[in-house]
């Protein structure tokens, strides 16, 4: 499943906190940035809602099973750009 196919209310797992944490999709948008609610307490942070890069959405629950998210070339290119910016 591509990130653009993930709909509001679907359960997701993201890695923006340095490890996989559970969350829920809060929008039906398409593109590089999506709005989510995340269970930050699973990683020692606070539960919160906010924006994440689409490439940070790793798994989505479909019919009770977790499946890996497919990222577009544009999303993967953005990941490379962000990685370079934060590496320096």
N, C-alpha and C. Protein backbone atom coordinates (compact mmCIF):
# COMPACT_ATOMS: atom_id res chain seq x y z
N UNK A 1 0.84 -1.18 0.00
CA UNK A 1 0.00 0.00 0.00
C UNK A 1 0.89 1.24 0.00
N UNK A 2 0.55 2.19 -0.83
CA UNK A 2 1.28 3.45 -0.88
C UNK A 2 0.75 4.41 0.19
N UNK A 3 1.58 5.35 0.60
CA UNK A 3 1.15 6.29 1.64
C UNK A 3 -0.08 7.08 1.22
N UNK A 4 -0.20 7.36 -0.06
CA UNK A 4 -1.36 8.12 -0.54
C UNK A 4 -2.66 7.34 -0.44
N UNK A 5 -2.58 6.04 -0.23
CA UNK A 5 -3.78 5.21 -0.10
C UNK A 5 -4.21 5.06 1.36
N UNK A 6 -3.40 5.53 2.29
CA UNK A 6 -3.75 5.44 3.71
C UNK A 6 -4.78 6.51 4.02
N UNK A 7 -5.88 6.10 4.63
CA UNK A 7 -7.00 7.00 4.89
C UNK A 7 -7.11 7.33 6.38
N UNK A 8 -7.82 8.40 6.65
CA UNK A 8 -8.08 8.84 8.02
C UNK A 8 -8.66 7.70 8.84
N UNK A 9 -8.12 7.51 10.04
CA UNK A 9 -8.61 6.48 10.95
C UNK A 9 -7.84 5.17 10.88
N UNK A 10 -7.02 4.98 9.86
CA UNK A 10 -6.26 3.74 9.75
C UNK A 10 -5.12 3.73 10.77
N UNK A 11 -4.85 2.55 11.32
CA UNK A 11 -3.75 2.40 12.27
C UNK A 11 -2.44 2.30 11.49
N UNK A 12 -1.43 2.98 12.02
CA UNK A 12 -0.12 3.00 11.36
C UNK A 12 0.98 2.81 12.38
N UNK A 13 2.18 2.53 11.89
CA UNK A 13 3.38 2.54 12.71
C UNK A 13 4.39 3.42 11.99
N UNK A 14 4.99 4.33 12.77
CA UNK A 14 5.92 5.30 12.20
C UNK A 14 7.26 5.23 12.94
N UNK A 15 8.29 5.82 12.32
CA UNK A 15 9.62 5.77 12.93
C UNK A 15 10.21 7.15 13.23
N UNK A 16 9.38 8.19 13.26
CA UNK A 16 9.91 9.54 13.46
C UNK A 16 10.52 9.75 14.84
N UNK A 17 10.25 8.88 15.79
CA UNK A 17 10.81 9.01 17.14
C UNK A 17 12.03 8.12 17.35
N UNK A 18 12.54 7.54 16.27
CA UNK A 18 13.74 6.72 16.37
C UNK A 18 13.46 5.24 16.54
N UNK A 19 12.22 4.88 16.72
CA UNK A 19 11.79 3.49 16.80
C UNK A 19 10.34 3.43 16.33
N UNK A 20 9.86 2.25 16.01
CA UNK A 20 8.47 2.14 15.56
C UNK A 20 7.52 2.38 16.72
N UNK A 21 6.56 3.27 16.50
CA UNK A 21 5.50 3.54 17.47
C UNK A 21 4.16 3.51 16.74
N UNK A 22 3.13 3.14 17.46
CA UNK A 22 1.79 3.08 16.90
C UNK A 22 1.19 4.47 16.77
N UNK A 23 0.26 4.58 15.85
CA UNK A 23 -0.43 5.84 15.66
C UNK A 23 -1.67 5.65 14.81
N UNK A 24 -2.28 6.77 14.48
CA UNK A 24 -3.49 6.76 13.66
C UNK A 24 -3.40 7.90 12.66
N UNK A 25 -3.80 7.62 11.44
CA UNK A 25 -3.81 8.64 10.40
C UNK A 25 -4.95 9.61 10.67
N UNK A 26 -4.67 10.90 10.59
CA UNK A 26 -5.68 11.91 10.88
C UNK A 26 -6.14 12.69 9.65
N UNK A 27 -5.63 12.35 8.48
CA UNK A 27 -6.06 13.07 7.28
C UNK A 27 -6.21 12.11 6.10
N UNK A 28 -6.74 12.64 5.02
CA UNK A 28 -6.87 11.89 3.77
C UNK A 28 -6.03 12.53 2.67
N UNK A 29 -5.05 13.32 3.05
CA UNK A 29 -4.24 14.04 2.08
C UNK A 29 -3.30 13.12 1.31
N UNK A 30 -2.73 13.66 0.28
CA UNK A 30 -1.70 12.97 -0.48
C UNK A 30 -0.46 13.85 -0.46
N UNK A 31 0.70 13.24 -0.64
CA UNK A 31 1.91 14.04 -0.70
C UNK A 31 2.96 13.61 0.30
N UNK A 32 3.90 14.52 0.56
CA UNK A 32 5.07 14.20 1.38
C UNK A 32 4.86 14.38 2.87
N UNK A 33 3.83 15.08 3.27
CA UNK A 33 3.60 15.33 4.69
C UNK A 33 2.18 14.93 5.05
N UNK A 34 2.06 14.16 6.15
CA UNK A 34 0.75 13.67 6.60
C UNK A 34 0.55 14.01 8.07
N UNK A 35 -0.70 14.14 8.48
CA UNK A 35 -1.06 14.44 9.86
C UNK A 35 -1.42 13.13 10.57
N UNK A 36 -0.79 12.92 11.74
CA UNK A 36 -1.04 11.69 12.49
C UNK A 36 -1.20 11.98 13.98
N UNK A 37 -1.75 11.02 14.67
CA UNK A 37 -1.73 10.97 16.13
C UNK A 37 -0.77 9.84 16.46
N UNK A 38 0.18 10.09 17.35
CA UNK A 38 1.19 9.07 17.64
C UNK A 38 1.24 8.75 19.12
N UNK A 39 1.54 7.51 19.42
CA UNK A 39 1.66 7.03 20.80
C UNK A 39 3.12 7.17 21.24
N UNK A 40 3.54 8.40 21.45
CA UNK A 40 4.92 8.67 21.85
C UNK A 40 5.30 8.02 23.17
N UNK A 41 4.31 7.71 24.01
CA UNK A 41 4.61 7.07 25.30
C UNK A 41 5.25 5.70 25.10
N UNK A 42 5.07 5.10 23.94
CA UNK A 42 5.72 3.82 23.66
C UNK A 42 7.24 3.97 23.54
N UNK A 43 7.70 5.20 23.30
CA UNK A 43 9.13 5.47 23.15
C UNK A 43 9.65 6.39 24.25
N UNK A 44 8.86 6.58 25.30
CA UNK A 44 9.30 7.42 26.41
C UNK A 44 9.02 8.90 26.22
N UNK A 45 8.19 9.25 25.25
CA UNK A 45 7.81 10.64 24.99
C UNK A 45 6.34 10.82 25.34
N UNK A 46 5.76 11.91 24.88
CA UNK A 46 4.34 12.16 25.08
C UNK A 46 3.55 11.70 23.86
N UNK A 47 2.31 11.28 24.08
CA UNK A 47 1.40 11.06 22.96
C UNK A 47 1.08 12.43 22.37
N UNK A 48 1.03 12.51 21.06
CA UNK A 48 0.77 13.81 20.45
C UNK A 48 0.21 13.63 19.05
N UNK A 49 -0.16 14.75 18.46
CA UNK A 49 -0.57 14.74 17.06
C UNK A 49 0.24 15.79 16.34
N UNK A 50 0.49 15.53 15.07
CA UNK A 50 1.27 16.47 14.29
C UNK A 50 1.62 15.89 12.94
N UNK A 51 2.47 16.60 12.25
CA UNK A 51 2.86 16.21 10.90
C UNK A 51 4.10 15.32 10.91
N UNK A 52 4.12 14.37 10.00
CA UNK A 52 5.31 13.55 9.76
C UNK A 52 5.54 13.49 8.26
N UNK A 53 6.79 13.24 7.90
CA UNK A 53 7.07 12.98 6.49
C UNK A 53 6.45 11.63 6.13
N UNK A 54 5.92 11.53 4.94
CA UNK A 54 5.27 10.30 4.50
C UNK A 54 6.23 9.11 4.55
N UNK A 55 7.52 9.35 4.31
CA UNK A 55 8.48 8.23 4.33
C UNK A 55 8.69 7.69 5.74
N UNK A 56 8.20 8.40 6.76
CA UNK A 56 8.32 7.92 8.14
C UNK A 56 7.18 6.97 8.52
N UNK A 57 6.21 6.81 7.64
CA UNK A 57 5.12 5.85 7.86
C UNK A 57 5.61 4.52 7.31
N UNK A 58 5.81 3.56 8.18
CA UNK A 58 6.46 2.30 7.79
C UNK A 58 5.45 1.16 7.59
N UNK A 59 4.49 1.05 8.49
CA UNK A 59 3.51 -0.04 8.42
C UNK A 59 2.10 0.52 8.54
N UNK A 60 1.15 -0.16 7.94
CA UNK A 60 -0.26 0.20 8.04
C UNK A 60 -1.05 -1.09 8.28
N UNK A 61 -2.07 -0.99 9.12
CA UNK A 61 -2.90 -2.17 9.40
C UNK A 61 -4.06 -2.22 8.40
N UNK A 62 -4.13 -3.34 7.69
CA UNK A 62 -5.19 -3.56 6.71
C UNK A 62 -5.83 -4.91 7.00
N UNK A 63 -7.11 -4.91 7.28
CA UNK A 63 -7.84 -6.15 7.59
C UNK A 63 -7.16 -6.95 8.70
N UNK A 64 -6.69 -6.25 9.73
CA UNK A 64 -6.09 -6.90 10.88
C UNK A 64 -4.65 -7.34 10.72
N UNK A 65 -4.04 -7.05 9.58
CA UNK A 65 -2.64 -7.43 9.34
C UNK A 65 -1.81 -6.20 9.05
N UNK A 66 -0.58 -6.20 9.57
CA UNK A 66 0.34 -5.10 9.31
C UNK A 66 1.06 -5.35 8.00
N UNK A 67 1.01 -4.36 7.11
CA UNK A 67 1.73 -4.48 5.84
C UNK A 67 2.68 -3.29 5.68
N UNK A 68 3.77 -3.54 4.97
CA UNK A 68 4.78 -2.50 4.75
C UNK A 68 4.26 -1.48 3.74
N UNK A 69 4.55 -0.23 4.03
CA UNK A 69 4.13 0.87 3.17
C UNK A 69 5.15 1.05 2.04
N UNK A 70 4.64 1.28 0.84
CA UNK A 70 5.50 1.58 -0.31
C UNK A 70 5.61 3.09 -0.44
N UNK A 71 6.84 3.58 -0.56
CA UNK A 71 7.06 5.01 -0.71
C UNK A 71 7.36 5.34 -2.17
N UNK A 72 6.93 6.52 -2.57
CA UNK A 72 7.17 6.96 -3.95
C UNK A 72 8.62 7.40 -4.10
N UNK A 73 9.06 7.51 -5.34
CA UNK A 73 10.42 8.01 -5.60
C UNK A 73 10.60 9.41 -5.03
N UNK A 74 9.57 10.23 -5.13
CA UNK A 74 9.63 11.60 -4.61
C UNK A 74 9.81 11.58 -3.08
N UNK A 75 9.10 10.70 -2.40
CA UNK A 75 9.22 10.60 -0.95
C UNK A 75 10.60 10.10 -0.54
N UNK A 76 11.13 9.15 -1.28
CA UNK A 76 12.47 8.62 -0.98
C UNK A 76 13.55 9.66 -1.26
N UNK A 77 13.35 10.47 -2.28
CA UNK A 77 14.30 11.55 -2.57
C UNK A 77 14.28 12.58 -1.45
N UNK A 78 13.10 12.90 -0.94
CA UNK A 78 12.99 13.82 0.18
C UNK A 78 13.72 13.26 1.40
N UNK A 79 13.59 11.96 1.64
CA UNK A 79 14.28 11.33 2.77
C UNK A 79 15.79 11.52 2.64
N UNK A 80 16.32 11.32 1.44
CA UNK A 80 17.75 11.51 1.21
C UNK A 80 18.16 12.95 1.50
N UNK A 81 17.36 13.89 1.06
CA UNK A 81 17.65 15.31 1.29
C UNK A 81 17.65 15.63 2.78
N UNK A 82 16.65 15.16 3.49
CA UNK A 82 16.55 15.42 4.93
C UNK A 82 17.71 14.75 5.67
N UNK A 83 18.05 13.53 5.28
CA UNK A 83 19.17 12.83 5.91
C UNK A 83 20.47 13.61 5.76
N UNK A 84 20.69 14.19 4.58
CA UNK A 84 21.90 14.98 4.34
C UNK A 84 21.89 16.24 5.21
N UNK A 85 20.75 16.89 5.30
CA UNK A 85 20.66 18.12 6.11
C UNK A 85 20.96 17.86 7.58
N UNK A 86 20.49 16.74 8.11
CA UNK A 86 20.68 16.45 9.53
C UNK A 86 22.00 15.73 9.82
N UNK A 87 22.68 15.27 8.78
CA UNK A 87 23.96 14.58 8.99
C UNK A 87 25.09 15.56 9.28
N UNK A 88 24.94 16.78 8.83
CA UNK A 88 26.02 17.76 8.95
C UNK A 88 25.92 18.53 10.18
